[in-house]
Amino acid sequence: MPIDRRVSLITLGVSDVSVSTAFYERLGWVKSSASQDAITFIQLKGTVLALFSRSALADDAGVTNTETGFSGVTLAHNLGSEAAVDDTFAEFVRSGAQPVKPPHKVFWGGYSSYVADPDGHLWEIAYNPFVPMDDDGHLVLPE
């Protein structure tokens, strides 16, 4: 039987849970009452975002906590229009994100930008005119 296709929880290893929590709260994202001093949980649409000490996360996984830098992973926030990308990019930056790449038309026909959160985790903020979204804002890929 195939494994169920889902991502239930994304945990970001951060240098300071309270600083990262404050950043995401400035975006209007709400910390769950299930959060504790050592970990923050934020309910997203269909997924939970967790903020946890980078060193504790490495210990939990049994791996070495290496220096920060590009990890080969980005998080994406897809939206329904270019204007929504512009507005969301500006809100991330106003909330303390570092602008990495301003919104612009991209080679594949969409509109994309990048910001980094306080720990350097990259968020792509994009509009893809070729992939529709359902009423809840989830991407709907063709089968």
C-alpha atoms as a PDB file:
ATOM      1  CA  MET A   1       0.000   0.000   0.000  1.00  0.00           C
ATOM      2  CA  PRO A   2       1.441   3.444  -0.902  1.00  0.00           C
ATOM      3  CA  ILE A   3       2.263   5.932   1.835  1.00  0.00           C
ATOM      4  CA  ASP A   4      -0.329   8.669   2.366  1.00  0.00           C
ATOM      5  CA  ARG A   5       0.802  11.856   0.559  1.00  0.00           C
ATOM      6  CA  ARG A   6       0.898  14.648   3.107  1.00  0.00           C
ATOM      7  CA  VAL A   7       3.104  16.956   5.084  1.00  0.00           C
ATOM      8  CA  SER A   8       1.577  17.354   8.522  1.00  0.00           C
ATOM      9  CA  LEU A   9       4.205  19.437  10.264  1.00  0.00           C
ATOM     10  CA  ILE A  10       7.182  21.507   9.158  1.00  0.00           C
ATOM     11  CA  THR A  11       9.717  22.232  11.908  1.00  0.00           C
ATOM     12  CA  LEU A  12      12.211  25.041  11.447  1.00  0.00           C
ATOM     13  CA  GLY A  13      15.363  24.889  13.539  1.00  0.00           C
ATOM     14  CA  VAL A  14      15.856  28.404  14.893  1.00  0.00           C
ATOM     15  CA  SER A  15      18.489  30.130  17.010  1.00  0.00           C
ATOM     16  CA  ASP A  16      15.948  31.781  19.333  1.00  0.00           C
ATOM     17  CA  VAL A  17      12.392  30.431  19.545  1.00  0.00           C
ATOM     18  CA  SER A  18      10.982  33.636  21.055  1.00  0.00           C
ATOM     19  CA  VAL A  19      12.555  35.888  18.381  1.00  0.00           C
ATOM     20  CA  SER A  20      11.292  33.653  15.568  1.00  0.00           C
ATOM     21  CA  THR A  21       7.856  33.390  17.178  1.00  0.00           C
ATOM     22  CA  ALA A  22       7.622  37.191  17.357  1.00  0.00           C
ATOM     23  CA  PHE A  23       8.516  37.440  13.646  1.00  0.00           C
ATOM     24  CA  TYR A  24       5.752  35.049  12.573  1.00  0.00           C
ATOM     25  CA  GLU A  25       3.279  36.719  14.939  1.00  0.00           C
ATOM     26  CA  ARG A  26       4.031  40.069  13.235  1.00  0.00           C
ATOM     27  CA  LEU A  27       2.778  38.409  10.042  1.00  0.00           C
ATOM     28  CA  GLY A  28      -0.505  37.819  11.865  1.00  0.00           C
ATOM     29  CA  TRP A  29       0.123  34.097  12.336  1.00  0.00           C
ATOM     30  CA  VAL A  30      -1.188  32.849  15.660  1.00  0.00           C
ATOM     31  CA  LYS A  31       0.807  30.803  18.162  1.00  0.00           C
ATOM     32  CA  SER A  32      -1.184  27.781  19.334  1.00  0.00           C
ATOM     33  CA  SER A  33      -1.949  27.226  22.999  1.00  0.00           C
ATOM     34  CA  ALA A  34      -0.187  23.865  22.500  1.00  0.00           C
ATOM     35  CA  SER A  35       3.096  25.815  22.314  1.00  0.00           C
ATOM     36  CA  GLN A  36       5.639  25.739  25.131  1.00  0.00           C
ATOM     37  CA  ASP A  37       8.707  27.844  25.939  1.00  0.00           C
ATOM     38  CA  ALA A  38      10.908  25.466  23.929  1.00  0.00           C
ATOM     39  CA  ILE A  39       8.622  25.107  20.884  1.00  0.00           C
ATOM     40  CA  THR A  40       6.044  27.173  19.059  1.00  0.00           C
ATOM     41  CA  PHE A  41       3.250  25.672  16.958  1.00  0.00           C
ATOM     42  CA  ILE A  42       1.404  27.746  14.357  1.00  0.00           C
ATOM     43  CA  GLN A  43      -1.630  26.309  12.545  1.00  0.00           C
ATOM     44  CA  LEU A  44      -1.454  26.918   8.801  1.00  0.00           C
ATOM     45  CA  LYS A  45      -3.913  25.785   6.151  1.00  0.00           C
ATOM     46  CA  GLY A  46      -3.602  22.000   6.323  1.00  0.00           C
ATOM     47  CA  THR A  47      -0.134  22.056   7.912  1.00  0.00           C
ATOM     48  CA  VAL A  48       1.438  23.052  11.203  1.00  0.00           C
ATOM     49  CA  LEU A  49       4.602  25.153  11.365  1.00  0.00           C
ATOM     50  CA  ALA A  50       6.808  24.477  14.397  1.00  0.00           C
ATOM     51  CA  LEU A  51       9.698  26.618  15.638  1.00  0.00           C
ATOM     52  CA  PHE A  52      12.244  24.691  17.714  1.00  0.00           C
ATOM     53  CA  SER A  53      15.827  25.278  18.801  1.00  0.00           C
ATOM     54  CA  ARG A  54      18.178  24.381  15.953  1.00  0.00           C
ATOM     55  CA  SER A  55      20.586  22.564  18.294  1.00  0.00           C
ATOM     56  CA  ALA A  56      17.755  20.662  20.010  1.00  0.00           C
ATOM     57  CA  LEU A  57      16.323  19.684  16.629  1.00  0.00           C
ATOM     58  CA  ALA A  58      19.720  18.360  15.517  1.00  0.00           C
ATOM     59  CA  ASP A  59      20.017  16.406  18.786  1.00  0.00           C
ATOM     60  CA  ASP A  60      16.521  14.986  18.307  1.00  0.00           C
ATOM     61  CA  ALA A  61      17.379  13.821  14.781  1.00  0.00           C
ATOM     62  CA  GLY A  62      20.774  12.492  15.861  1.00  0.00           C
ATOM     63  CA  VAL A  63      22.722  14.668  13.430  1.00  0.00           C
ATOM     64  CA  THR A  64      25.458  17.269  13.796  1.00  0.00           C
ATOM     65  CA  ASN A  65      24.265  20.860  14.099  1.00  0.00           C
ATOM     66  CA  THR A  66      26.197  22.443  11.215  1.00  0.00           C
ATOM     67  CA  GLU A  67      26.494  26.139  10.444  1.00  0.00           C
ATOM     68  CA  THR A  68      23.568  27.883   8.866  1.00  0.00           C
ATOM     69  CA  GLY A  69      23.514  28.564   5.150  1.00  0.00           C
ATOM     70  CA  PHE A  70      21.506  27.398   2.202  1.00  0.00           C
ATOM     71  CA  SER A  71      20.092  24.028   3.209  1.00  0.00           C
ATOM     72  CA  GLY A  72      18.676  23.120  -0.179  1.00  0.00           C
ATOM     73  CA  VAL A  73      15.116  23.624   1.092  1.00  0.00           C
ATOM     74  CA  THR A  74      12.702  26.497   0.608  1.00  0.00           C
ATOM     75  CA  LEU A  75       9.170  27.030   1.835  1.00  0.00           C
ATOM     76  CA  ALA A  76       6.645  28.388  -0.664  1.00  0.00           C
ATOM     77  CA  HIS A  77       3.697  30.686  -0.139  1.00  0.00           C
ATOM     78  CA  ASN A  78       1.651  30.597  -3.348  1.00  0.00           C
ATOM     79  CA  LEU A  79      -0.923  33.261  -4.029  1.00  0.00           C
ATOM     80  CA  GLY A  80      -3.608  34.027  -6.595  1.00  0.00           C
ATOM     81  CA  SER A  81      -2.144  37.086  -8.318  1.00  0.00           C
ATOM     82  CA  GLU A  82       0.961  39.159  -8.926  1.00  0.00           C
ATOM     83  CA  ALA A  83      -0.523  41.952  -6.786  1.00  0.00           C
ATOM     84  CA  ALA A  84      -0.951  39.498  -3.900  1.00  0.00           C
ATOM     85  CA  VAL A  85       2.731  38.531  -4.247  1.00  0.00           C
ATOM     86  CA  ASP A  86       3.754  42.212  -4.098  1.00  0.00           C
ATOM     87  CA  ASP A  87       1.580  42.819  -1.008  1.00  0.00           C
ATOM     88  CA  THR A  88       2.718  39.651   0.796  1.00  0.00           C
ATOM     89  CA  PHE A  89       6.397  40.282   0.013  1.00  0.00           C
ATOM     90  CA  ALA A  90       6.051  43.802   1.474  1.00  0.00           C
ATOM     91  CA  GLU A  91       4.299  42.455   4.589  1.00  0.00           C
ATOM     92  CA  PHE A  92       7.033  39.873   5.195  1.00  0.00           C
ATOM     93  CA  VAL A  93       9.684  42.605   4.891  1.00  0.00           C
ATOM     94  CA  ARG A  94       7.731  44.991   7.170  1.00  0.00           C
ATOM     95  CA  SER A  95       7.544  42.139   9.698  1.00  0.00           C
ATOM     96  CA  GLY A  96      11.320  41.719   9.727  1.00  0.00           C
ATOM     97  CA  ALA A  97      12.109  39.331   6.865  1.00  0.00           C
ATOM     98  CA  GLN A  98      15.249  40.019   4.857  1.00  0.00           C
ATOM     99  CA  PRO A  99      14.418  40.662   1.196  1.00  0.00           C
ATOM    100  CA  VAL A 100      16.444  38.222  -0.916  1.00  0.00           C
ATOM    101  CA  LYS A 101      14.932  38.594  -4.382  1.00  0.00           C
ATOM    102  CA  PRO A 102      12.199  41.161  -5.137  1.00  0.00           C
ATOM    103  CA  PRO A 103       9.002  40.136  -6.935  1.00  0.00           C
ATOM    104  CA  HIS A 104       9.534  39.780 -10.670  1.00  0.00           C
ATOM    105  CA  LYS A 105       8.339  37.831 -13.696  1.00  0.00           C
ATOM    106  CA  VAL A 106      10.269  34.569 -13.949  1.00  0.00           C
ATOM    107  CA  PHE A 107      11.426  32.421 -16.866  1.00  0.00           C
ATOM    108  CA  TRP A 108       8.730  29.769 -16.385  1.00  0.00           C
ATOM    109  CA  GLY A 109       5.917  32.326 -16.791  1.00  0.00           C
ATOM    110  CA  GLY A 110       5.046  33.032 -13.180  1.00  0.00           C
ATOM    111  CA  TYR A 111       5.833  35.805 -10.725  1.00  0.00           C
ATOM    112  CA  SER A 112       8.136  35.102  -7.817  1.00  0.00           C
ATOM    113  CA  SER A 113      10.164  36.560  -4.956  1.00  0.00           C
ATOM    114  CA  TYR A 114      12.209  35.346  -1.984  1.00  0.00           C
ATOM    115  CA  VAL A 115      12.582  36.517   1.613  1.00  0.00           C
ATOM    116  CA  ALA A 116      14.530  35.055   4.528  1.00  0.00           C
ATOM    117  CA  ASP A 117      13.147  34.759   8.060  1.00  0.00           C
ATOM    118  CA  PRO A 118      15.334  35.747  11.050  1.00  0.00           C
ATOM    119  CA  ASP A 119      17.219  32.415  10.814  1.00  0.00           C
ATOM    120  CA  GLY A 120      17.732  32.575   7.058  1.00  0.00           C
ATOM    121  CA  HIS A 121      14.981  30.099   6.138  1.00  0.00           C
ATOM    122  CA  LEU A 122      13.969  30.997   2.604  1.00  0.00           C
ATOM    123  CA  TRP A 123      10.344  31.637   1.720  1.00  0.00           C
ATOM    124  CA  GLU A 124       9.355  31.861  -1.924  1.00  0.00           C
ATOM    125  CA  ILE A 125       6.328  34.092  -2.393  1.00  0.00           C
ATOM    126  CA  ALA A 126       4.896  33.319  -5.810  1.00  0.00           C
ATOM    127  CA  TYR A 127       2.026  33.331  -8.258  1.00  0.00           C
ATOM    128  CA  ASN A 128       1.857  30.412 -10.687  1.00  0.00           C
ATOM    129  CA  PRO A 129      -0.758  31.061 -13.385  1.00  0.00           C
ATOM    130  CA  PHE A 130      -0.505  27.445 -14.563  1.00  0.00           C
ATOM    131  CA  VAL A 131      -1.533  25.766 -11.298  1.00  0.00           C
ATOM    132  CA  PRO A 132      -4.976  26.639  -9.950  1.00  0.00           C
ATOM    133  CA  MET A 133      -5.810  26.931  -6.266  1.00  0.00           C
ATOM    134  CA  ASP A 134      -8.930  25.585  -4.589  1.00  0.00           C
ATOM    135  CA  ASP A 135     -11.275  27.684  -2.439  1.00  0.00           C
ATOM    136  CA  ASP A 136      -9.032  27.082   0.587  1.00  0.00           C
ATOM    137  CA  GLY A 137      -5.903  28.347  -1.170  1.00  0.00           C
ATOM    138  CA  HIS A 138      -4.330  24.920  -1.755  1.00  0.00           C
ATOM    139  CA  LEU A 139      -2.551  24.206  -5.025  1.00  0.00           C
ATOM    140  CA  VAL A 140      -4.395  21.739  -7.261  1.00  0.00           C
ATOM    141  CA  LEU A 141      -2.043  19.818  -9.541  1.00  0.00           C
ATOM    142  CA  PRO A 142      -3.299  17.816 -12.520  1.00  0.00           C
ATOM    143  CA  GLU A 143      -3.183  14.066 -11.954  1.00  0.00           C
END
